[in-house]
């Protein structure tokens, strides 16, 4: 919102890379053009992570029924199989970043794989539970931005269900890009066959979007979750200001 666009954010973030000493290591996301370009600003060694054309790569990524990824991790220190306790395919890139930092600090590869398998997230991040109604509730209400919203919707689409619903709050602090970003997320949801209940977020627009004023109104639309033959899966996600963890708690009560 303050920097104007991602290029300006990257320019400022890159100052961290510039100030790493010669003996340091910059761990950079090869798949993000802004981040990959920071390698030219580094005096330190650079480790790139990604799914291809990187020092650390994830291959043969598979998600189980509960969205937990497993993959083969190839690194300059060797290769190993990794299974994550956290949920969502996007967590594979986070795991590679953590692995690169650990390996650069001389943590043995086997210990890295063990650590990744045991790592847990803070509350309200990709927390998947089954409600008394039988509906599966994916609570990712901690925060939201375009990238994490995209990832969460794709995770919801991966869940076995006959009906998928995303209860979405606003994505805050996007400045002039806000309206367009919300429209893009609504469009993605429609492409994935996901119904959107937009809570206090009028910038989500489209034929599959049902706008409501508050959490109580959203809960009213969700009264029939888990009804016979429903097979419902529900994502709950929004920026911190939305407080949608209260809605997730109500669905699980």
Protein backbone atom coordinates (compact mmCIF):
# COMPACT_ATOMS: atom_id res chain seq x y z
CA UNK A 1 0.00 0.00 0.00
CA UNK A 2 2.84 2.41 0.88
CA UNK A 3 5.54 1.22 -1.54
CA UNK A 4 3.26 1.40 -4.59
CA UNK A 5 4.03 -1.91 -6.29
CA UNK A 6 5.98 -5.14 -5.86
CA UNK A 7 8.99 -3.83 -7.77
CA UNK A 8 9.48 -1.14 -5.13
CA UNK A 9 9.03 -3.69 -2.34
CA UNK A 10 11.71 -5.85 -3.99
CA UNK A 11 14.03 -2.87 -4.31
CA UNK A 12 13.83 -2.30 -0.56
CA UNK A 13 13.99 -5.99 0.35
CA UNK A 14 17.13 -6.28 -1.76
CA UNK A 15 18.94 -3.94 0.63
CA UNK A 16 19.07 -6.90 3.03
CA UNK A 17 20.93 -8.92 0.38
CA UNK A 18 23.33 -6.06 -0.39
CA UNK A 19 24.34 -5.84 3.27
CA UNK A 20 25.13 -9.53 3.74
CA UNK A 21 28.90 -9.92 4.32
CA UNK A 22 31.14 -11.89 1.98
CA UNK A 23 30.97 -14.90 4.29
CA UNK A 24 27.16 -14.86 4.33
CA UNK A 25 24.61 -16.73 2.23
CA UNK A 26 21.56 -15.30 0.47
CA UNK A 27 18.69 -17.81 0.13
CA UNK A 28 16.56 -16.72 -2.83
CA UNK A 29 13.38 -17.96 -4.51
CA UNK A 30 14.30 -18.87 -8.09
CA UNK A 31 10.65 -18.86 -9.17
CA UNK A 32 10.07 -15.20 -8.27
CA UNK A 33 11.62 -12.83 -10.80
CA UNK A 34 11.99 -10.02 -8.29
CA UNK A 35 13.75 -12.24 -5.77
CA UNK A 36 15.93 -14.09 -8.25
CA UNK A 37 17.21 -10.75 -9.54
CA UNK A 38 18.53 -9.96 -6.06
CA UNK A 39 21.38 -12.40 -6.72
CA UNK A 40 23.11 -9.69 -8.77
CA UNK A 41 23.09 -7.44 -5.69
CA UNK A 42 24.81 -9.98 -3.42
CA UNK A 43 28.45 -10.05 -2.33
CA UNK A 44 27.58 -13.17 -0.34
CA UNK A 45 27.14 -16.69 -1.67
CA UNK A 46 23.72 -17.37 -3.21
CA UNK A 47 21.52 -20.44 -2.85
CA UNK A 48 18.49 -20.59 -5.15
CA UNK A 49 15.50 -22.81 -4.36
CA UNK A 50 12.61 -23.84 -6.61
CA UNK A 51 11.15 -26.63 -8.72
CA UNK A 52 13.67 -26.20 -11.53
CA UNK A 53 16.84 -24.28 -12.43
CA UNK A 54 17.81 -23.93 -8.77
CA UNK A 55 20.39 -25.22 -6.29
CA UNK A 56 17.69 -26.83 -4.12
CA UNK A 57 14.84 -28.42 -6.04
CA UNK A 58 11.63 -30.25 -5.17
CA UNK A 59 10.66 -33.10 -7.45
CA UNK A 60 7.72 -35.52 -7.58
CA UNK A 61 5.49 -33.39 -5.32
CA UNK A 62 2.41 -35.27 -4.07
CA UNK A 63 -0.38 -34.08 -1.76
CA UNK A 64 -2.22 -36.57 0.43
CA UNK A 65 -5.93 -36.38 1.21
CA UNK A 66 -5.21 -33.99 4.09
CA UNK A 67 -3.12 -31.66 1.89
CA UNK A 68 0.23 -32.71 3.37
CA UNK A 69 2.99 -32.63 0.72
CA UNK A 70 5.74 -35.15 0.16
CA UNK A 71 8.55 -34.71 -2.37
CA UNK A 72 12.12 -35.55 -3.31
CA UNK A 73 14.51 -32.76 -2.33
CA UNK A 74 17.71 -32.44 -4.35
CA UNK A 75 20.47 -30.24 -2.94
CA UNK A 76 24.23 -29.66 -3.34
CA UNK A 77 24.54 -31.71 -0.12
CA UNK A 78 22.68 -34.70 -1.54
CA UNK A 79 19.08 -35.81 -2.00
CA UNK A 80 16.42 -37.00 0.42
CA UNK A 81 12.71 -37.69 0.63
CA UNK A 82 10.69 -35.16 2.62
CA UNK A 83 7.18 -35.37 4.06
CA UNK A 84 5.74 -32.24 5.63
CA UNK A 85 3.35 -32.05 8.55
CA UNK A 86 2.06 -28.68 7.32
CA UNK A 87 -0.56 -28.40 4.59
CA UNK A 88 -0.63 -26.98 1.07
CA UNK A 89 1.59 -27.42 -1.95
CA UNK A 90 2.87 -23.86 -1.49
CA UNK A 91 4.53 -25.03 1.74
CA UNK A 92 7.02 -26.99 -0.39
CA UNK A 93 8.73 -23.73 -1.40
CA UNK A 94 8.78 -22.59 2.24
CA UNK A 95 10.35 -25.92 3.19
CA UNK A 96 13.04 -25.52 0.53
CA UNK A 97 13.86 -22.04 1.82
CA UNK A 98 14.19 -23.34 5.39
CA UNK A 99 16.28 -26.29 4.19
CA UNK A 100 18.64 -24.02 2.28
CA UNK A 101 19.19 -21.82 5.33
CA UNK A 102 19.82 -24.85 7.55
CA UNK A 103 22.20 -26.53 5.09
CA UNK A 104 24.13 -23.28 4.68
CA UNK A 105 24.60 -23.38 8.48
CA UNK A 106 26.02 -26.94 8.27
CA UNK A 107 22.97 -28.79 9.57
CA UNK A 108 23.19 -32.40 8.26
CA UNK A 109 20.76 -33.25 5.46
CA UNK A 110 19.07 -36.04 7.46
CA UNK A 111 18.45 -33.64 10.34
CA UNK A 112 16.95 -31.11 7.92
CA UNK A 113 14.47 -33.71 6.63
CA UNK A 114 13.55 -34.69 10.20
CA UNK A 115 13.05 -31.05 11.17
CA UNK A 116 10.83 -30.35 8.19
CA UNK A 117 8.68 -33.39 8.99
CA UNK A 118 8.12 -32.14 12.54
CA UNK A 119 7.61 -28.43 11.83
CA UNK A 120 4.24 -26.96 12.79
CA UNK A 121 2.51 -23.70 11.88
CA UNK A 122 1.12 -21.03 14.17
CA UNK A 123 -2.67 -21.08 14.78
CA UNK A 124 -5.15 -20.33 11.98
CA UNK A 125 -2.73 -21.28 9.18
CA UNK A 126 -3.96 -24.11 6.92
CA UNK A 127 -5.59 -25.83 9.91
CA UNK A 128 -7.80 -28.62 8.52
CA UNK A 129 -10.46 -30.12 10.77
CA UNK A 130 -13.81 -31.88 10.48
CA UNK A 131 -16.85 -30.14 11.96
CA UNK A 132 -19.61 -32.00 13.83
CA UNK A 133 -21.69 -31.50 10.70
CA UNK A 134 -19.19 -33.59 8.74
CA UNK A 135 -17.94 -30.62 6.73
CA UNK A 136 -14.20 -30.16 6.38
CA UNK A 137 -13.06 -26.73 7.55
CA UNK A 138 -9.76 -25.31 6.27
CA UNK A 139 -8.99 -22.45 8.64
CA UNK A 140 -6.38 -20.11 7.11
CA UNK A 141 -7.79 -17.01 8.77
CA UNK A 142 -4.50 -15.68 10.16
CA UNK A 143 -3.94 -13.28 7.24
CA UNK A 144 -4.36 -12.91 3.50
CA UNK A 145 -2.75 -11.44 0.41
CA UNK A 146 -3.11 -12.31 -3.29
CA UNK A 147 -0.41 -15.02 -3.29
CA UNK A 148 -1.59 -16.78 -0.13
CA UNK A 149 -5.23 -16.48 -1.20
CA UNK A 150 -4.38 -18.12 -4.54
CA UNK A 151 -2.56 -20.94 -2.72
CA UNK A 152 -5.39 -21.49 -0.23
CA UNK A 153 -8.05 -21.67 -2.96
CA UNK A 154 -5.99 -24.24 -4.86
CA UNK A 155 -5.65 -26.24 -1.65
CA UNK A 156 -9.41 -26.14 -1.16
CA UNK A 157 -9.88 -27.34 -4.74
CA UNK A 158 -7.65 -30.34 -3.97
CA UNK A 159 -9.86 -31.54 -1.08
CA UNK A 160 -12.26 -34.35 -1.88
CA UNK A 161 -15.71 -32.73 -1.80
CA UNK A 162 -18.88 -32.34 -3.82
CA UNK A 163 -19.29 -28.70 -2.78
CA UNK A 164 -16.50 -26.23 -2.03
CA UNK A 165 -17.09 -22.86 -0.40
CA UNK A 166 -14.61 -20.10 0.39
CA UNK A 167 -15.60 -17.62 3.10
CA UNK A 168 -13.31 -14.70 2.32
CA UNK A 169 -12.62 -11.46 4.11
CA UNK A 170 -10.87 -8.49 2.52
CA UNK A 171 -7.19 -8.48 1.58
CA UNK A 172 -5.92 -5.35 3.29
CA UNK A 173 -3.07 -2.92 2.54
CA UNK A 174 -3.08 -3.39 -1.25
CA UNK A 175 -3.54 0.29 -2.05
CA UNK A 176 -4.63 1.07 -5.60
CA UNK A 177 -4.23 -2.60 -6.57
CA UNK A 178 -6.93 -3.75 -4.14
CA UNK A 179 -10.00 -3.84 -6.37
CA UNK A 180 -8.19 -5.62 -9.20
CA UNK A 181 -6.59 -8.15 -6.83
CA UNK A 182 -9.95 -9.05 -5.26
CA UNK A 183 -11.54 -9.45 -8.69
CA UNK A 184 -8.73 -11.78 -9.77
CA UNK A 185 -9.21 -13.97 -6.71
CA UNK A 186 -12.96 -14.15 -7.34
CA UNK A 187 -12.26 -15.12 -10.94
CA UNK A 188 -9.87 -17.88 -9.84
CA UNK A 189 -12.46 -19.21 -7.40
CA UNK A 190 -15.03 -19.39 -10.22
CA UNK A 191 -12.55 -21.24 -12.44
CA UNK A 192 -11.96 -23.76 -9.64
CA UNK A 193 -15.69 -24.28 -9.09
CA UNK A 194 -15.65 -22.63 -5.66
CA UNK A 195 -18.54 -20.58 -4.29
CA UNK A 196 -17.37 -17.40 -2.51
CA UNK A 197 -19.07 -15.84 0.50
CA UNK A 198 -17.47 -12.39 0.77
CA UNK A 199 -17.64 -11.00 4.31
CA UNK A 200 -17.46 -7.21 4.37
CA UNK A 201 -15.44 -7.31 1.15
CA UNK A 202 -17.37 -5.77 -1.77
CA UNK A 203 -14.35 -5.87 -4.10
CA UNK A 204 -14.89 -9.59 -4.68
CA UNK A 205 -17.15 -9.55 -7.72
CA UNK A 206 -18.64 -12.17 -9.99
CA UNK A 207 -21.58 -14.51 -10.53
CA UNK A 208 -20.32 -17.01 -7.93
CA UNK A 209 -19.81 -14.40 -5.18
CA UNK A 210 -22.36 -13.90 -2.40
CA UNK A 211 -21.59 -10.68 -0.49
CA UNK A 212 -22.60 -10.44 3.16
CA UNK A 213 -22.10 -7.70 5.73
CA UNK A 214 -20.69 -9.66 8.65
CA UNK A 215 -19.81 -13.03 10.18
CA UNK A 216 -23.33 -13.71 11.46
CA UNK A 217 -24.74 -13.26 7.97
CA UNK A 218 -22.10 -15.63 6.57
CA UNK A 219 -22.98 -18.25 9.17
CA UNK A 220 -26.61 -17.93 8.12
CA UNK A 221 -25.67 -18.99 4.60
CA UNK A 222 -23.74 -21.95 5.97
CA UNK A 223 -26.60 -23.44 8.02
CA UNK A 224 -26.89 -26.53 5.84
CA UNK A 225 -23.22 -27.53 5.87
CA UNK A 226 -22.75 -31.26 6.05
CA UNK A 227 -26.31 -32.04 5.03
CA UNK A 228 -26.83 -35.52 3.50
CA UNK A 229 -24.97 -35.77 0.22
CA UNK A 230 -23.31 -32.41 0.82
CA UNK A 231 -19.69 -33.47 1.07
CA UNK A 232 -18.79 -29.89 1.95
CA UNK A 233 -15.33 -28.35 2.24
CA UNK A 234 -15.01 -24.77 3.47
CA UNK A 235 -12.03 -22.40 3.37
CA UNK A 236 -12.02 -19.52 5.87
CA UNK A 237 -9.53 -16.79 5.01
CA UNK A 238 -9.06 -13.02 5.19
CA UNK A 239 -6.69 -10.34 6.40
CA UNK A 240 -6.16 -10.03 10.14
CA UNK A 241 -8.65 -7.15 10.37
CA UNK A 242 -11.48 -9.49 9.30
CA UNK A 243 -11.21 -11.71 12.38
CA UNK A 244 -12.61 -14.71 10.50
CA UNK A 245 -11.12 -17.18 12.98
CA UNK A 246 -14.34 -16.53 14.93
CA UNK A 247 -16.36 -17.89 12.02
CA UNK A 248 -14.14 -20.97 11.76
CA UNK A 249 -14.55 -21.59 15.49
CA UNK A 250 -18.33 -21.31 15.17
CA UNK A 251 -18.38 -23.85 12.34
CA UNK A 252 -16.32 -26.29 14.43
CA UNK A 253 -18.29 -25.77 17.66
